[in-house]
PDB file of N, CA and C in Angstrom:
ATOM      1  N   UNK A   1       5.826 -27.253   5.834  1.00  0.00           N
ATOM      2  CA  UNK A   1       4.859 -27.247   3.992  1.00  0.00           C
ATOM      3  C   UNK A   1       3.640 -27.618   4.423  1.00  0.00           C
ATOM      4  N   UNK A   2       3.703 -28.816   5.426  1.00  0.00           N
ATOM      5  CA  UNK A   2       2.075 -29.533   5.706  1.00  0.00           C
ATOM      6  C   UNK A   2       1.263 -28.396   6.239  1.00  0.00           C
ATOM      7  N   UNK A   3       1.724 -27.852   7.462  1.00  0.00           N
ATOM      8  CA  UNK A   3       0.833 -26.558   7.704  1.00  0.00           C
ATOM      9  C   UNK A   3       0.370 -25.433   7.194  1.00  0.00           C
ATOM     10  N   UNK A   4       1.340 -25.194   6.050  1.00  0.00           N
ATOM     11  CA  UNK A   4       0.830 -24.128   4.932  1.00  0.00           C
ATOM     12  C   UNK A   4      -0.358 -24.736   4.313  1.00  0.00           C
ATOM     13  N   UNK A   5      -0.382 -26.028   4.205  1.00  0.00           N
ATOM     14  CA  UNK A   5      -0.989 -26.782   3.097  1.00  0.00           C
ATOM     15  C   UNK A   5      -2.506 -26.893   3.948  1.00  0.00           C
ATOM     16  N   UNK A   6      -2.410 -27.171   5.018  1.00  0.00           N
ATOM     17  CA  UNK A   6      -3.640 -27.153   5.762  1.00  0.00           C
ATOM     18  C   UNK A   6      -4.538 -25.937   6.160  1.00  0.00           C
ATOM     19  N   UNK A   7      -3.596 -25.119   6.307  1.00  0.00           N
ATOM     20  CA  UNK A   7      -4.008 -23.644   6.437  1.00  0.00           C
ATOM     21  C   UNK A   7      -4.758 -23.256   5.262  1.00  0.00           C
ATOM     22  N   UNK A   8      -4.041 -23.553   3.840  1.00  0.00           N
ATOM     23  CA  UNK A   8      -4.784 -22.856   2.574  1.00  0.00           C
ATOM     24  C   UNK A   8      -5.987 -23.844   2.424  1.00  0.00           C
ATOM     25  N   UNK A   9      -6.187 -25.272   2.729  1.00  0.00           N
ATOM     26  CA  UNK A   9      -7.228 -25.938   2.654  1.00  0.00           C
ATOM     27  C   UNK A   9      -8.425 -25.512   3.413  1.00  0.00           C
ATOM     28  N   UNK A  10      -7.845 -25.421   4.634  1.00  0.00           N
ATOM     29  CA  UNK A  10      -9.027 -24.723   5.415  1.00  0.00           C
ATOM     30  C   UNK A  10      -9.755 -23.460   5.076  1.00  0.00           C
ATOM     31  N   UNK A  11      -8.804 -22.596   4.745  1.00  0.00           N
ATOM     32  CA  UNK A  11      -9.482 -21.288   4.117  1.00  0.00           C
ATOM     33  C   UNK A  11     -10.183 -21.147   3.180  1.00  0.00           C
ATOM     34  N   UNK A  12      -9.809 -22.140   1.989  1.00  0.00           N
ATOM     35  CA  UNK A  12     -10.380 -22.731   0.737  1.00  0.00           C
ATOM     36  C   UNK A  12     -11.719 -23.134   1.151  1.00  0.00           C
ATOM     37  N   UNK A  13     -11.631 -24.196   1.818  1.00  0.00           N
ATOM     38  CA  UNK A  13     -13.247 -24.822   2.241  1.00  0.00           C
ATOM     39  C   UNK A  13     -13.904 -23.653   2.942  1.00  0.00           C
ATOM     40  N   UNK A  14     -13.514 -23.009   3.944  1.00  0.00           N
ATOM     41  CA  UNK A  14     -14.363 -21.773   4.583  1.00  0.00           C
ATOM     42  C   UNK A  14     -15.186 -21.196   3.489  1.00  0.00           C
ATOM     43  N   UNK A  15     -14.107 -20.719   2.493  1.00  0.00           N
ATOM     44  CA  UNK A  15     -14.920 -19.765   1.589  1.00  0.00           C
ATOM     45  C   UNK A  15     -15.700 -20.426   0.578  1.00  0.00           C
ATOM     46  N   UNK A  16     -15.565 -21.457   0.307  1.00  0.00           N
ATOM     47  CA  UNK A  16     -16.472 -22.153  -0.738  1.00  0.00           C
ATOM     48  C   UNK A  16     -17.588 -22.419   0.002  1.00  0.00           C
ATOM     49  N   UNK A  17     -17.781 -22.424   1.318  1.00  0.00           N
ATOM     50  CA  UNK A  17     -18.764 -23.306   2.004  1.00  0.00           C
ATOM     51  C   UNK A  17     -19.777 -21.693   2.852  1.00  0.00           C
ATOM     52  N   UNK A  18     -19.111 -20.872   2.425  1.00  0.00           N
ATOM     53  CA  UNK A  18     -19.741 -19.562   3.340  1.00  0.00           C
ATOM     54  C   UNK A  18     -21.155 -19.008   2.140  1.00  0.00           C
ATOM     55  N   UNK A  19     -21.788 -18.772   2.707  1.00  0.00           N
ATOM     56  CA  UNK A  19     -23.000 -18.263   1.872  1.00  0.00           C
ATOM     57  C   UNK A  19     -22.855 -16.908   1.631  1.00  0.00           C
ATOM     58  N   UNK A  20     -23.714 -16.521   0.636  1.00  0.00           N
ATOM     59  CA  UNK A  20     -23.071 -14.768   0.285  1.00  0.00           C
ATOM     60  C   UNK A  20     -24.149 -13.917   1.048  1.00  0.00           C
ATOM     61  N   UNK A  21     -23.618 -12.735   1.215  1.00  0.00           N
ATOM     62  CA  UNK A  21     -24.024 -11.635   2.235  1.00  0.00           C
ATOM     63  C   UNK A  21     -25.411 -11.420   1.993  1.00  0.00           C
ATOM     64  N   UNK A  22     -25.675 -11.423   0.630  1.00  0.00           N
ATOM     65  CA  UNK A  22     -27.537 -10.959   0.412  1.00  0.00           C
ATOM     66  C   UNK A  22     -27.431  -9.577   0.736  1.00  0.00           C
ATOM     67  N   UNK A  23     -26.379  -8.853   0.185  1.00  0.00           N
ATOM     68  CA  UNK A  23     -26.627  -7.571   0.557  1.00  0.00           C
ATOM     69  C   UNK A  23     -27.848  -6.854  -0.588  1.00  0.00           C
ATOM     70  N   UNK A  24     -28.224  -7.527  -1.285  1.00  0.00           N
ATOM     71  CA  UNK A  24     -28.828  -6.541  -2.429  1.00  0.00           C
ATOM     72  C   UNK A  24     -30.290  -6.780  -1.655  1.00  0.00           C
ATOM     73  N   UNK A  25     -30.693  -7.366  -0.854  1.00  0.00           N
ATOM     74  CA  UNK A  25     -32.100  -7.914  -0.189  1.00  0.00           C
ATOM     75  C   UNK A  25     -32.192  -6.971   0.861  1.00  0.00           C
ATOM     76  N   UNK A  26     -33.313  -5.942   0.778  1.00  0.00           N
ATOM     77  CA  UNK A  26     -33.490  -4.743   2.100  1.00  0.00           C
ATOM     78  C   UNK A  26     -33.868  -5.229   3.213  1.00  0.00           C
ATOM     79  N   UNK A  27     -33.623  -5.166   4.549  1.00  0.00           N
ATOM     80  CA  UNK A  27     -34.155  -5.285   5.553  1.00  0.00           C
ATOM     81  C   UNK A  27     -35.119  -4.462   6.175  1.00  0.00           C
ATOM     82  N   UNK A  28     -36.217  -5.031   6.878  1.00  0.00           N
ATOM     83  CA  UNK A  28     -37.157  -4.226   7.660  1.00  0.00           C
ATOM     84  C   UNK A  28     -36.601  -3.074   8.403  1.00  0.00           C
ATOM     85  N   UNK A  29     -36.455  -1.782   8.162  1.00  0.00           N
ATOM     86  CA  UNK A  29     -36.120  -0.769   9.017  1.00  0.00           C
ATOM     87  C   UNK A  29     -34.651  -0.371   8.127  1.00  0.00           C
ATOM     88  N   UNK A  30     -34.377  -1.099   7.307  1.00  0.00           N
ATOM     89  CA  UNK A  30     -33.462  -0.314   6.690  1.00  0.00           C
ATOM     90  C   UNK A  30     -33.536   0.739   5.917  1.00  0.00           C
ATOM     91  N   UNK A  31     -32.666   1.908   5.999  1.00  0.00           N
ATOM     92  CA  UNK A  31     -33.062   3.222   5.742  1.00  0.00           C
ATOM     93  C   UNK A  31     -31.488   3.665   5.349  1.00  0.00           C
ATOM     94  N   UNK A  32     -31.007   3.702   4.292  1.00  0.00           N
ATOM     95  CA  UNK A  32     -29.686   3.888   3.684  1.00  0.00           C
ATOM     96  C   UNK A  32     -29.478   5.418   3.626  1.00  0.00           C
ATOM     97  N   UNK A  33     -28.984   6.132   3.960  1.00  0.00           N
ATOM     98  CA  UNK A  33     -28.669   7.304   3.501  1.00  0.00           C
ATOM     99  C   UNK A  33     -28.113   7.578   1.982  1.00  0.00           C
ATOM    100  N   UNK A  34     -28.009   9.135   1.853  1.00  0.00           N
ATOM    101  CA  UNK A  34     -27.406   9.107   0.462  1.00  0.00           C
ATOM    102  C   UNK A  34     -26.151   8.810   0.340  1.00  0.00           C
ATOM    103  N   UNK A  35     -25.577   8.640  -1.101  1.00  0.00           N
ATOM    104  CA  UNK A  35     -24.002   8.046  -1.105  1.00  0.00           C
ATOM    105  C   UNK A  35     -23.286   9.151  -1.006  1.00  0.00           C
ATOM    106  N   UNK A  36     -22.049   9.156  -1.011  1.00  0.00           N
ATOM    107  CA  UNK A  36     -20.927  10.109  -1.280  1.00  0.00           C
ATOM    108  C   UNK A  36     -20.144  10.302  -2.605  1.00  0.00           C
ATOM    109  N   UNK A  37     -20.107  11.683  -2.623  1.00  0.00           N
ATOM    110  CA  UNK A  37     -19.649  11.746  -4.101  1.00  0.00           C
ATOM    111  C   UNK A  37     -18.000  11.402  -4.261  1.00  0.00           C
ATOM    112  N   UNK A  38     -17.275  11.713  -5.114  1.00  0.00           N
ATOM    113  CA  UNK A  38     -15.865  11.380  -5.026  1.00  0.00           C
ATOM    114  C   UNK A  38     -15.093  12.326  -4.445  1.00  0.00           C
ATOM    115  N   UNK A  39     -15.186  13.829  -4.315  1.00  0.00           N
ATOM    116  CA  UNK A  39     -14.741  14.270  -3.497  1.00  0.00           C
ATOM    117  C   UNK A  39     -15.060  13.946  -1.972  1.00  0.00           C
ATOM    118  N   UNK A  40     -16.217  14.270  -1.364  1.00  0.00           N
ATOM    119  CA  UNK A  40     -16.265  13.635  -0.083  1.00  0.00           C
ATOM    120  C   UNK A  40     -15.569  12.338   0.275  1.00  0.00           C
ATOM    121  N   UNK A  41     -15.972  11.265  -0.506  1.00  0.00           N
ATOM    122  CA  UNK A  41     -15.065  10.110  -0.390  1.00  0.00           C
ATOM    123  C   UNK A  41     -13.516  10.180  -0.035  1.00  0.00           C
ATOM    124  N   UNK A  42     -12.798  11.017  -1.259  1.00  0.00           N
ATOM    125  CA  UNK A  42     -11.090  11.090  -0.647  1.00  0.00           C
ATOM    126  C   UNK A  42     -11.237  12.098   0.281  1.00  0.00           C
ATOM    127  N   UNK A  43     -11.765  13.087   0.739  1.00  0.00           N
ATOM    128  CA  UNK A  43     -11.717  13.981   1.740  1.00  0.00           C
ATOM    129  C   UNK A  43     -11.886  13.037   2.963  1.00  0.00           C
ATOM    130  N   UNK A  44     -12.884  11.914   3.216  1.00  0.00           N
ATOM    131  CA  UNK A  44     -13.234  11.066   4.159  1.00  0.00           C
ATOM    132  C   UNK A  44     -11.837  10.246   4.616  1.00  0.00           C
ATOM    133  N   UNK A  45     -11.800   9.206   3.625  1.00  0.00           N
ATOM    134  CA  UNK A  45     -10.893   8.447   3.661  1.00  0.00           C
ATOM    135  C   UNK A  45      -9.503   8.287   3.115  1.00  0.00           C
ATOM    136  N   UNK A  46      -9.296   9.720   2.711  1.00  0.00           N
ATOM    137  CA  UNK A  46      -7.737  10.000   2.182  1.00  0.00           C
ATOM    138  C   UNK A  46      -7.076  10.936   2.670  1.00  0.00           C
ATOM    139  N   UNK A  47      -7.695  12.410   2.613  1.00  0.00           N
ATOM    140  CA  UNK A  47      -7.427  13.512   3.350  1.00  0.00           C
ATOM    141  C   UNK A  47      -7.263  14.077   5.113  1.00  0.00           C
ATOM    142  N   UNK A  48      -8.701  13.350   5.629  1.00  0.00           N
ATOM    143  CA  UNK A  48      -8.891  13.051   6.944  1.00  0.00           C
ATOM    144  C   UNK A  48      -7.516  12.484   7.765  1.00  0.00           C
ATOM    145  N   UNK A  49      -7.214  11.139   7.013  1.00  0.00           N
ATOM    146  CA  UNK A  49      -6.291  10.503   7.903  1.00  0.00           C
ATOM    147  C   UNK A  49      -5.116  10.713   7.783  1.00  0.00           C
ATOM    148  N   UNK A  50      -4.594  11.580   6.688  1.00  0.00           N
ATOM    149  CA  UNK A  50      -3.176  12.181   6.469  1.00  0.00           C
ATOM    150  C   UNK A  50      -3.514  13.322   7.630  1.00  0.00           C
ATOM    151  N   UNK A  51      -4.095  14.438   7.502  1.00  0.00           N
ATOM    152  CA  UNK A  51      -4.305  15.551   8.275  1.00  0.00           C
ATOM    153  C   UNK A  51      -4.047  14.654   9.801  1.00  0.00           C
ATOM    154  N   UNK A  52      -5.064  14.130  10.231  1.00  0.00           N
ATOM    155  CA  UNK A  52      -4.776  13.374  11.516  1.00  0.00           C
ATOM    156  C   UNK A  52      -3.161  13.210  11.742  1.00  0.00           C
ATOM    157  N   UNK A  53      -2.819  12.164  10.899  1.00  0.00           N
ATOM    158  CA  UNK A  53      -1.493  11.746  11.303  1.00  0.00           C
ATOM    159  C   UNK A  53      -0.488  13.011  11.413  1.00  0.00           C
ATOM    160  N   UNK A  54      -0.556  14.052  10.662  1.00  0.00           N
ATOM    161  CA  UNK A  54       0.187  15.298  10.629  1.00  0.00           C
ATOM    162  C   UNK A  54      -0.165  15.944  12.206  1.00  0.00           C
ATOM    163  N   UNK A  55      -1.069  16.208  12.389  1.00  0.00           N
ATOM    164  CA  UNK A  55      -1.322  16.830  13.531  1.00  0.00           C
ATOM    165  C   UNK A  55      -0.792  16.217  15.007  1.00  0.00           C
ATOM    166  N   UNK A  56      -1.217  14.770  14.818  1.00  0.00           N
ATOM    167  CA  UNK A  56      -0.537  13.848  15.842  1.00  0.00           C
ATOM    168  C   UNK A  56       1.111  13.965  15.793  1.00  0.00           C
ATOM    169  N   UNK A  57       1.558  13.722  14.912  1.00  0.00           N
ATOM    170  CA  UNK A  57       3.282  13.884  14.424  1.00  0.00           C
ATOM    171  C   UNK A  57       3.716  15.243  14.919  1.00  0.00           C
ATOM    172  N   UNK A  58       3.056  16.242  14.843  1.00  0.00           N
ATOM    173  CA  UNK A  58       3.477  17.637  14.841  1.00  0.00           C
ATOM    174  C   UNK A  58       3.717  17.943  16.462  1.00  0.00           C
ATOM    175  N   UNK A  59       1.922  17.584  17.240  1.00  0.00           N
ATOM    176  CA  UNK A  59       2.120  17.538  18.675  1.00  0.00           C
ATOM    177  C   UNK A  59       3.172  16.958  19.085  1.00  0.00           C
ATOM    178  N   UNK A  60       3.436  15.532  18.509  1.00  0.00           N
ATOM    179  CA  UNK A  60       4.633  14.787  19.294  1.00  0.00           C
ATOM    180  C   UNK A  60       5.937  15.258  19.444  1.00  0.00           C
ATOM    181  N   UNK A  61       6.286  16.132  18.083  1.00  0.00           N
ATOM    182  CA  UNK A  61       7.708  16.807  18.272  1.00  0.00           C
ATOM    183  C   UNK A  61       7.776  18.152  18.834  1.00  0.00           C
ATOM    184  N   UNK A  62       6.510  18.781  19.242  1.00  0.00           N
ATOM    185  CA  UNK A  62       6.578  20.154  19.409  1.00  0.00           C
ATOM    186  C   UNK A  62       6.615  19.728  21.067  1.00  0.00           C
ATOM    187  N   UNK A  63       5.827  18.667  21.666  1.00  0.00           N
ATOM    188  CA  UNK A  63       5.789  18.553  22.796  1.00  0.00           C
ATOM    189  C   UNK A  63       6.697  17.431  23.529  1.00  0.00           C
ATOM    190  N   UNK A  64       7.775  17.170  22.586  1.00  0.00           N
ATOM    191  CA  UNK A  64       8.750  16.116  23.020  1.00  0.00           C
ATOM    192  C   UNK A  64       9.870  16.917  24.112  1.00  0.00           C
ATOM    193  N   UNK A  65       9.552  16.105  25.421  1.00  0.00           N
ATOM    194  CA  UNK A  65      10.639  17.030  26.590  1.00  0.00           C
ATOM    195  C   UNK A  65      11.882  16.570  26.484  1.00  0.00           C
ATOM    196  N   UNK A  66      12.352  15.160  25.867  1.00  0.00           N
ATOM    197  CA  UNK A  66      13.525  14.934  25.954  1.00  0.00           C
ATOM    198  C   UNK A  66      14.471  15.868  25.420  1.00  0.00           C
ATOM    199  N   UNK A  67      15.889  15.493  25.956  1.00  0.00           N
ATOM    200  CA  UNK A  67      17.312  16.410  25.315  1.00  0.00           C
ATOM    201  C   UNK A  67      17.511  16.184  24.087  1.00  0.00           C
ATOM    202  N   UNK A  68      17.732  16.962  23.226  1.00  0.00           N
ATOM    203  CA  UNK A  68      18.181  16.761  22.097  1.00  0.00           C
ATOM    204  C   UNK A  68      19.689  16.407  22.070  1.00  0.00           C
ATOM    205  N   UNK A  69      19.879  15.682  21.293  1.00  0.00           N
ATOM    206  CA  UNK A  69      21.331  15.112  21.391  1.00  0.00           C
ATOM    207  C   UNK A  69      22.037  16.117  19.984  1.00  0.00           C
ATOM    208  N   UNK A  70      23.232  16.583  20.339  1.00  0.00           N
ATOM    209  CA  UNK A  70      23.843  17.652  19.620  1.00  0.00           C
ATOM    210  C   UNK A  70      25.049  16.852  18.762  1.00  0.00           C
TER     211      UNK A  70
END
């Protein structure tokens, strides 16, 4: 119980004392590209990992050389 309280207190103090990221301030040489639309975002962060998982799982199943248990 004491360890949990110390960990929670430490985390809370770190969050309260940390400075903001200042993400709205542009730095010299900062050149952001154009944003992604909804379809591109879903394709990049949802469809691509699913497809990669299916390809890797399929390759593992096809190239499995162990004997099948009957």
